Structure formats: structure tokens, C-alpha cells
């Protein structure tokens, strides 16, 4: 199988947020591939809902043999194993221990791939609206 590259958005606003992000990175390394780069951590306001809990956000670059939907399933399994009980429903966001989003898939030439399915659209359709994604993503792209 060919190795693929993905930018993954990470977020947490419950408990020890930085530790949650580092645990998610470790689990991605164990289960789905190799995290080859990790952005700085950014403290951000909740997006799309009101909460008293600040988010810690980051983006990582993941090398994996998994296809996009298989990767989505694996990331959702990591979220569940870390204690996330449900995903956002009908666009309603809520506090979460961990959130892992596939932002961009890159082909073997390093160009963005387009993928569209009922469960996943790549590039992520809302990422341009989210500074908490774009700032760490641009940090990694500019290294």
C-alpha cells in the first residue's frame, strides 16, 4: 500500500487539554501511521457554541497507509477510547475531551486531494472559516 499524508486538526476543551492532544498523537502513532510534524498548541475560544472552557488546538501531519474513510473510522475509535461519547449532531457543537478532524489529504506529489462522501469531505469544507485550524496548519506548511 502507498503511504498517504494527511493534515489532522486536534482540539480539546475538557480536562488536561494539552495532555489529551499529546495522547491522541501517541495513539495515532500506535494505530494509524506516523505523526511526522506537530504544530504549536493554541488556546482558542469555542467555535460555533458557547462554553466557559477554552480549547487547546493543534494540527499534525500524519503519514498513513489508510484510505480516507478507514482513517476517519480509526480517528473516531481513538476519540471514543479517549472518552468522547458522541460527535456533534446536526451542527450543534459541545465541549469535548478530544476532537480529531481530517483537514486535508495529500497525494504522493504533495498536492491536495479531493474526496467527497456522505461522511467525509476533503479538504475540510469549514477549515477556511476557522483560525484555530488555519493558524496551526499554516505554521506546519511554512516549516
C-alpha atoms as a PDB file:
ATOM      1  CA  UNK A   1       0.000   0.000   0.000  1.00  0.00           C
ATOM      2  CA  UNK A   2       1.116   3.527  -0.734  1.00  0.00           C
ATOM      3  CA  UNK A   3       1.766   5.936   2.086  1.00  0.00           C
ATOM      4  CA  UNK A   4      -0.530   8.961   2.162  1.00  0.00           C
ATOM      5  CA  UNK A   5      -0.173  12.242   4.011  1.00  0.00           C
ATOM      6  CA  UNK A   6      -2.955  13.913   5.961  1.00  0.00           C
ATOM      7  CA  UNK A   7      -3.238  17.092   7.973  1.00  0.00           C
ATOM      8  CA  UNK A   8      -5.253  16.349  11.109  1.00  0.00           C
ATOM      9  CA  UNK A   9      -6.833  19.005  13.318  1.00  0.00           C
ATOM     10  CA  UNK A  10      -6.791  18.295  17.058  1.00  0.00           C
ATOM     11  CA  UNK A  11      -8.836  20.031  19.732  1.00  0.00           C
ATOM     12  CA  UNK A  12      -9.770  19.595  23.379  1.00  0.00           C
ATOM     13  CA  UNK A  13     -11.542  21.798  25.917  1.00  0.00           C
ATOM     14  CA  UNK A  14     -12.144  19.442  28.846  1.00  0.00           C
ATOM     15  CA  UNK A  15      -9.648  18.361  31.490  1.00  0.00           C
ATOM     16  CA  UNK A  16      -5.918  18.420  30.806  1.00  0.00           C
ATOM     17  CA  UNK A  17      -6.244  19.609  27.218  1.00  0.00           C
ATOM     18  CA  UNK A  18      -2.562  19.571  26.220  1.00  0.00           C
ATOM     19  CA  UNK A  19      -2.154  16.068  27.629  1.00  0.00           C
ATOM     20  CA  UNK A  20      -5.229  14.942  25.666  1.00  0.00           C
ATOM     21  CA  UNK A  21      -3.715  16.241  22.430  1.00  0.00           C
ATOM     22  CA  UNK A  22      -0.398  14.514  23.152  1.00  0.00           C
ATOM     23  CA  UNK A  23      -2.210  11.255  23.973  1.00  0.00           C
ATOM     24  CA  UNK A  24      -4.146  11.469  20.698  1.00  0.00           C
ATOM     25  CA  UNK A  25      -0.862  11.950  18.811  1.00  0.00           C
ATOM     26  CA  UNK A  26       0.617   8.915  20.585  1.00  0.00           C
ATOM     27  CA  UNK A  27      -2.449   6.824  19.715  1.00  0.00           C
ATOM     28  CA  UNK A  28      -2.270   7.926  16.066  1.00  0.00           C
ATOM     29  CA  UNK A  29       1.391   6.835  16.037  1.00  0.00           C
ATOM     30  CA  UNK A  30       0.439   3.445  17.519  1.00  0.00           C
ATOM     31  CA  UNK A  31      -2.659   2.752  15.446  1.00  0.00           C
ATOM     32  CA  UNK A  32      -2.767   4.603  12.137  1.00  0.00           C
ATOM     33  CA  UNK A  33       0.674   5.681  10.994  1.00  0.00           C
ATOM     34  CA  UNK A  34       3.394   8.153  11.845  1.00  0.00           C
ATOM     35  CA  UNK A  35       2.887  11.722  13.021  1.00  0.00           C
ATOM     36  CA  UNK A  36       5.825  13.462  11.346  1.00  0.00           C
ATOM     37  CA  UNK A  37       5.096  17.025  12.491  1.00  0.00           C
ATOM     38  CA  UNK A  38       3.035  18.746  15.188  1.00  0.00           C
ATOM     39  CA  UNK A  39       2.220  22.441  15.338  1.00  0.00           C
ATOM     40  CA  UNK A  40       2.399  24.573  18.434  1.00  0.00           C
ATOM     41  CA  UNK A  41      -0.590  24.447  20.769  1.00  0.00           C
ATOM     42  CA  UNK A  42      -3.034  27.339  20.522  1.00  0.00           C
ATOM     43  CA  UNK A  43      -5.530  28.452  23.171  1.00  0.00           C
ATOM     44  CA  UNK A  44      -8.776  29.456  21.463  1.00  0.00           C
ATOM     45  CA  UNK A  45     -12.373  30.376  22.148  1.00  0.00           C
ATOM     46  CA  UNK A  46     -15.069  27.791  21.393  1.00  0.00           C
ATOM     47  CA  UNK A  47     -16.307  27.998  17.801  1.00  0.00           C
ATOM     48  CA  UNK A  48     -19.977  27.514  16.963  1.00  0.00           C
ATOM     49  CA  UNK A  49     -21.170  27.283  20.585  1.00  0.00           C
ATOM     50  CA  UNK A  50     -20.800  28.950  23.965  1.00  0.00           C
ATOM     51  CA  UNK A  51     -18.714  27.401  26.728  1.00  0.00           C
ATOM     52  CA  UNK A  52     -16.706  28.524  29.719  1.00  0.00           C
ATOM     53  CA  UNK A  53     -13.944  26.099  28.662  1.00  0.00           C
ATOM     54  CA  UNK A  54     -11.161  27.333  26.352  1.00  0.00           C
ATOM     55  CA  UNK A  55      -9.902  24.997  23.638  1.00  0.00           C
ATOM     56  CA  UNK A  56      -6.368  23.868  23.032  1.00  0.00           C
ATOM     57  CA  UNK A  57      -5.887  23.276  19.304  1.00  0.00           C
ATOM     58  CA  UNK A  58      -3.096  21.981  17.093  1.00  0.00           C
ATOM     59  CA  UNK A  59      -2.562  20.405  13.683  1.00  0.00           C
ATOM     60  CA  UNK A  60      -0.361  17.435  12.886  1.00  0.00           C
ATOM     61  CA  UNK A  61       0.939  15.892   9.689  1.00  0.00           C
ATOM     62  CA  UNK A  62       0.216  12.166   9.593  1.00  0.00           C
ATOM     63  CA  UNK A  63       1.709   9.576   7.230  1.00  0.00           C
ATOM     64  CA  UNK A  64      -0.613   6.586   6.885  1.00  0.00           C
ATOM     65  CA  UNK A  65      -1.442   3.757   4.524  1.00  0.00           C
ATOM     66  CA  UNK A  66      -5.138   4.137   5.371  1.00  0.00           C
ATOM     67  CA  UNK A  67      -7.651   5.439   2.858  1.00  0.00           C
ATOM     68  CA  UNK A  68      -9.691   8.483   3.989  1.00  0.00           C
ATOM     69  CA  UNK A  69     -12.763   6.604   5.303  1.00  0.00           C
ATOM     70  CA  UNK A  70     -10.624   3.986   7.056  1.00  0.00           C
ATOM     71  CA  UNK A  71      -8.660   6.816   8.662  1.00  0.00           C
ATOM     72  CA  UNK A  72     -11.901   8.530   9.712  1.00  0.00           C
ATOM     73  CA  UNK A  73     -13.057   5.302  11.385  1.00  0.00           C
ATOM     74  CA  UNK A  74      -9.693   4.897  13.150  1.00  0.00           C
ATOM     75  CA  UNK A  75      -9.698   8.505  14.405  1.00  0.00           C
ATOM     76  CA  UNK A  76     -13.260   8.167  15.689  1.00  0.00           C
ATOM     77  CA  UNK A  77     -12.206   4.985  17.510  1.00  0.00           C
ATOM     78  CA  UNK A  78      -9.364   6.946  19.163  1.00  0.00           C
ATOM     79  CA  UNK A  79     -11.863   9.639  20.194  1.00  0.00           C
ATOM     80  CA  UNK A  80     -14.155   7.028  21.749  1.00  0.00           C
ATOM     81  CA  UNK A  81     -11.257   5.276  23.503  1.00  0.00           C
ATOM     82  CA  UNK A  82     -10.230   8.624  24.989  1.00  0.00           C
ATOM     83  CA  UNK A  83     -13.724   9.170  26.387  1.00  0.00           C
ATOM     84  CA  UNK A  84     -15.580  11.120  23.731  1.00  0.00           C
ATOM     85  CA  UNK A  85     -19.138   9.876  23.863  1.00  0.00           C
ATOM     86  CA  UNK A  86     -20.620  11.439  20.746  1.00  0.00           C
ATOM     87  CA  UNK A  87     -19.894  13.615  17.750  1.00  0.00           C
ATOM     88  CA  UNK A  88     -21.634  16.895  17.055  1.00  0.00           C
ATOM     89  CA  UNK A  89     -25.211  16.333  15.924  1.00  0.00           C
ATOM     90  CA  UNK A  90     -26.915  18.473  13.283  1.00  0.00           C
ATOM     91  CA  UNK A  91     -24.246  21.146  13.543  1.00  0.00           C
ATOM     92  CA  UNK A  92     -24.607  21.513  17.324  1.00  0.00           C
ATOM     93  CA  UNK A  93     -21.207  21.637  18.944  1.00  0.00           C
ATOM     94  CA  UNK A  94     -20.410  20.909  22.579  1.00  0.00           C
ATOM     95  CA  UNK A  95     -17.493  20.579  24.979  1.00  0.00           C
ATOM     96  CA  UNK A  96     -15.252  17.625  24.181  1.00  0.00           C
ATOM     97  CA  UNK A  97     -12.300  15.780  25.624  1.00  0.00           C
ATOM     98  CA  UNK A  98     -10.853  15.254  22.121  1.00  0.00           C
ATOM     99  CA  UNK A  99     -11.768  16.146  18.577  1.00  0.00           C
ATOM    100  CA  UNK A 100      -9.827  14.802  15.606  1.00  0.00           C
ATOM    101  CA  UNK A 101     -10.668  16.108  12.140  1.00  0.00           C
ATOM    102  CA  UNK A 102      -9.115  15.157   8.830  1.00  0.00           C
ATOM    103  CA  UNK A 103      -8.437  18.506   7.194  1.00  0.00           C
ATOM    104  CA  UNK A 104      -6.505  17.719   4.020  1.00  0.00           C
ATOM    105  CA  UNK A 105      -5.326  14.614   2.195  1.00  0.00           C
ATOM    106  CA  UNK A 106      -2.201  14.938   0.075  1.00  0.00           C
ATOM    107  CA  UNK A 107      -1.357  12.805  -2.934  1.00  0.00           C
ATOM    108  CA  UNK A 108       2.121  11.337  -3.416  1.00  0.00           C
ATOM    109  CA  UNK A 109       3.198  14.557  -5.154  1.00  0.00           C
ATOM    110  CA  UNK A 110       2.160  16.640  -2.145  1.00  0.00           C
ATOM    111  CA  UNK A 111      -0.913  18.148  -3.798  1.00  0.00           C
ATOM    112  CA  UNK A 112      -4.275  18.368  -2.052  1.00  0.00           C
ATOM    113  CA  UNK A 113      -6.603  15.516  -2.959  1.00  0.00           C
ATOM    114  CA  UNK A 114     -10.349  15.958  -3.215  1.00  0.00           C
ATOM    115  CA  UNK A 115     -12.561  13.376  -1.540  1.00  0.00           C
ATOM    116  CA  UNK A 116     -16.306  13.509  -1.065  1.00  0.00           C
ATOM    117  CA  UNK A 117     -18.559  11.012   0.649  1.00  0.00           C
ATOM    118  CA  UNK A 118     -21.649  11.221   2.851  1.00  0.00           C
ATOM    119  CA  UNK A 119     -19.380  11.000   5.941  1.00  0.00           C
ATOM    120  CA  UNK A 120     -16.321  12.972   4.854  1.00  0.00           C
ATOM    121  CA  UNK A 121     -15.413  15.848   2.549  1.00  0.00           C
ATOM    122  CA  UNK A 122     -11.777  16.768   1.874  1.00  0.00           C
ATOM    123  CA  UNK A 123     -10.420  19.333   2.029  1.00  0.00           C
ATOM    124  CA  UNK A 124     -12.466  20.054   5.147  1.00  0.00           C
ATOM    125  CA  UNK A 125     -15.232  22.410   3.960  1.00  0.00           C
ATOM    126  CA  UNK A 126     -15.174  24.710   7.022  1.00  0.00           C
ATOM    127  CA  UNK A 127     -11.450  24.946   7.733  1.00  0.00           C
ATOM    128  CA  UNK A 128     -11.007  28.311   5.963  1.00  0.00           C
ATOM    129  CA  UNK A 129     -13.505  29.830   8.438  1.00  0.00           C
ATOM    130  CA  UNK A 130     -11.605  28.591  11.486  1.00  0.00           C
ATOM    131  CA  UNK A 131      -8.492  30.420  12.659  1.00  0.00           C
ATOM    132  CA  UNK A 132      -7.916  27.634  15.198  1.00  0.00           C
ATOM    133  CA  UNK A 133      -7.323  25.364  12.189  1.00  0.00           C
ATOM    134  CA  UNK A 134      -5.689  27.724   9.726  1.00  0.00           C
ATOM    135  CA  UNK A 135      -3.072  29.223  12.082  1.00  0.00           C
ATOM    136  CA  UNK A 136      -1.535  25.874  13.152  1.00  0.00           C
ATOM    137  CA  UNK A 137      -1.999  24.451   9.630  1.00  0.00           C
ATOM    138  CA  UNK A 138      -0.103  27.367   8.105  1.00  0.00           C
ATOM    139  CA  UNK A 139       2.571  27.011  10.790  1.00  0.00           C
ATOM    140  CA  UNK A 140       3.210  23.428   9.611  1.00  0.00           C
ATOM    141  CA  UNK A 141       3.014  24.280   5.911  1.00  0.00           C
ATOM    142  CA  UNK A 142       5.566  27.074   6.341  1.00  0.00           C
ATOM    143  CA  UNK A 143       8.176  24.969   8.153  1.00  0.00           C
END
